[in-house]
Amino acid sequence: MVGKLNFKHIETIHAVVLTGSVTGAATRLYVTQPAISNVLRDAEERLGCQLFERRGGRLLPTPLADRLFDEIERSFTG
C-alpha cells in the first residue's frame, strides 16, 4: 500500500531535484543534511519505491521522481 506524502516530503523532493544534492537541498531549505536524508528515506518508504539514484555524491531523479517533480512544479506555480 502506498502511503501519503506530506508537505515536508514534497518540498524536500522539490529541493533535491532542483539542486541535485542533499547538501544543496539542505541549504535551500535551511535544515541539516541528515534531516533531508531522513525525509527522503521516509518518502521512499511511504511510496514503496526509490526516488533517486545515488551516483558520485549526486542524486539523480528516477522517472517516478521526474513525474512527481512535474506535478509539484504545477502545484507550486498554480
C-alpha atoms as a PDB file:
ATOM      1  CA  MET A   1       0.000   0.000   0.000  1.00  0.00           C
ATOM      2  CA  VAL A   2       1.252   3.434  -0.912  1.00  0.00           C
ATOM      3  CA  GLY A   3       1.385   5.966   1.915  1.00  0.00           C
ATOM      4  CA  LYS A   4       0.679   9.651   1.669  1.00  0.00           C
ATOM      5  CA  LEU A   5       3.320  12.318   1.347  1.00  0.00           C
ATOM      6  CA  ASN A   6       3.070  15.472   3.422  1.00  0.00           C
ATOM      7  CA  PHE A   7       4.288  18.968   2.535  1.00  0.00           C
ATOM      8  CA  LYS A   8       7.716  18.345   4.080  1.00  0.00           C
ATOM      9  CA  HIS A   9       8.222  15.378   1.739  1.00  0.00           C
ATOM     10  CA  ILE A  10       7.082  17.401  -1.252  1.00  0.00           C
ATOM     11  CA  GLU A  11       9.268  20.434  -0.571  1.00  0.00           C
ATOM     12  CA  THR A  12      12.258  18.165   0.095  1.00  0.00           C
ATOM     13  CA  ILE A  13      11.820  16.247  -3.174  1.00  0.00           C
ATOM     14  CA  HIS A  14      11.430  19.572  -4.997  1.00  0.00           C
ATOM     15  CA  ALA A  15      14.625  20.973  -3.455  1.00  0.00           C
ATOM     16  CA  VAL A  16      16.649  17.828  -4.163  1.00  0.00           C
ATOM     17  CA  VAL A  17      15.585  17.733  -7.813  1.00  0.00           C
ATOM     18  CA  LEU A  18      16.382  21.445  -8.234  1.00  0.00           C
ATOM     19  CA  THR A  19      19.795  21.255  -6.559  1.00  0.00           C
ATOM     20  CA  GLY A  20      20.786  17.661  -7.334  1.00  0.00           C
ATOM     21  CA  SER A  21      22.208  17.042  -3.880  1.00  0.00           C
ATOM     22  CA  VAL A  22      21.334  16.623  -0.234  1.00  0.00           C
ATOM     23  CA  THR A  23      23.714  19.468   0.637  1.00  0.00           C
ATOM     24  CA  GLY A  24      22.072  21.838  -1.827  1.00  0.00           C
ATOM     25  CA  ALA A  25      18.587  20.918  -0.663  1.00  0.00           C
ATOM     26  CA  ALA A  26      19.589  21.373   2.987  1.00  0.00           C
ATOM     27  CA  THR A  27      20.989  24.821   2.244  1.00  0.00           C
ATOM     28  CA  ARG A  28      17.900  25.788   0.237  1.00  0.00           C
ATOM     29  CA  LEU A  29      15.517  24.651   2.988  1.00  0.00           C
ATOM     30  CA  TYR A  30      17.651  25.854   5.937  1.00  0.00           C
ATOM     31  CA  VAL A  31      17.829  22.397   7.533  1.00  0.00           C
ATOM     32  CA  THR A  32      20.579  19.856   8.137  1.00  0.00           C
ATOM     33  CA  GLN A  33      21.765  17.268   5.633  1.00  0.00           C
ATOM     34  CA  PRO A  34      20.643  14.386   7.885  1.00  0.00           C
ATOM     35  CA  ALA A  35      17.159  15.930   8.011  1.00  0.00           C
ATOM     36  CA  ILE A  36      16.972  15.860   4.196  1.00  0.00           C
ATOM     37  CA  SER A  37      18.212  12.264   4.103  1.00  0.00           C
ATOM     38  CA  ASN A  38      15.644  11.209   6.691  1.00  0.00           C
ATOM     39  CA  VAL A  39      12.752  12.871   4.870  1.00  0.00           C
ATOM     40  CA  LEU A  40      13.817  11.297   1.552  1.00  0.00           C
ATOM     41  CA  ARG A  41      14.111   7.870   3.163  1.00  0.00           C
ATOM     42  CA  ASP A  42      10.657   8.253   4.705  1.00  0.00           C
ATOM     43  CA  ALA A  43       9.152   9.391   1.381  1.00  0.00           C
ATOM     44  CA  GLU A  44      10.651   6.400  -0.422  1.00  0.00           C
ATOM     45  CA  GLU A  45       9.352   4.038   2.272  1.00  0.00           C
ATOM     46  CA  ARG A  46       5.862   5.539   2.056  1.00  0.00           C
ATOM     47  CA  LEU A  47       5.835   5.280  -1.731  1.00  0.00           C
ATOM     48  CA  GLY A  48       7.459   1.868  -1.752  1.00  0.00           C
ATOM     49  CA  CYS A  49       9.991   2.784  -4.434  1.00  0.00           C
ATOM     50  CA  GLN A  50      13.253   4.612  -4.949  1.00  0.00           C
ATOM     51  CA  LEU A  51      13.025   8.276  -5.973  1.00  0.00           C
ATOM     52  CA  PHE A  52      16.720   8.973  -6.544  1.00  0.00           C
ATOM     53  CA  GLU A  53      19.772   7.080  -7.727  1.00  0.00           C
ATOM     54  CA  ARG A  54      22.877   7.906  -5.729  1.00  0.00           C
ATOM     55  CA  ARG A  55      25.904   8.399  -8.005  1.00  0.00           C
ATOM     56  CA  GLY A  56      29.138  10.077  -7.048  1.00  0.00           C
ATOM     57  CA  GLY A  57      27.680  12.349  -4.399  1.00  0.00           C
ATOM     58  CA  ARG A  58      24.789  13.405  -6.635  1.00  0.00           C
ATOM     59  CA  LEU A  59      21.166  12.367  -6.535  1.00  0.00           C
ATOM     60  CA  LEU A  60      19.690  11.620  -9.937  1.00  0.00           C
ATOM     61  CA  PRO A  61      15.885  11.516 -10.069  1.00  0.00           C
ATOM     62  CA  THR A  62      14.267   8.294 -11.220  1.00  0.00           C
ATOM     63  CA  PRO A  63      11.471   8.527 -13.824  1.00  0.00           C
ATOM     64  CA  LEU A  64       8.961   8.461 -10.939  1.00  0.00           C
ATOM     65  CA  ALA A  65      10.698  11.399  -9.247  1.00  0.00           C
ATOM     66  CA  ASP A  66      10.664  13.298 -12.549  1.00  0.00           C
ATOM     67  CA  ARG A  67       6.912  12.784 -12.907  1.00  0.00           C
ATOM     68  CA  LEU A  68       6.360  13.724  -9.278  1.00  0.00           C
ATOM     69  CA  PHE A  69       8.504  16.839  -9.733  1.00  0.00           C
ATOM     70  CA  ASP A  70       6.381  17.916 -12.726  1.00  0.00           C
ATOM     71  CA  GLU A  71       3.250  17.661 -10.570  1.00  0.00           C
ATOM     72  CA  ILE A  72       4.939  19.535  -7.716  1.00  0.00           C
ATOM     73  CA  GLU A  73       6.031  22.326 -10.077  1.00  0.00           C
ATOM     74  CA  ARG A  74       2.474  22.687 -11.418  1.00  0.00           C
ATOM     75  CA  SER A  75       1.166  22.849  -7.873  1.00  0.00           C
ATOM     76  CA  PHE A  76       3.764  25.400  -6.731  1.00  0.00           C
ATOM     77  CA  THR A  77       3.224  27.686  -9.735  1.00  0.00           C
ATOM     78  CA  GLY A  78      -0.549  27.244  -9.828  1.00  0.00           C
END
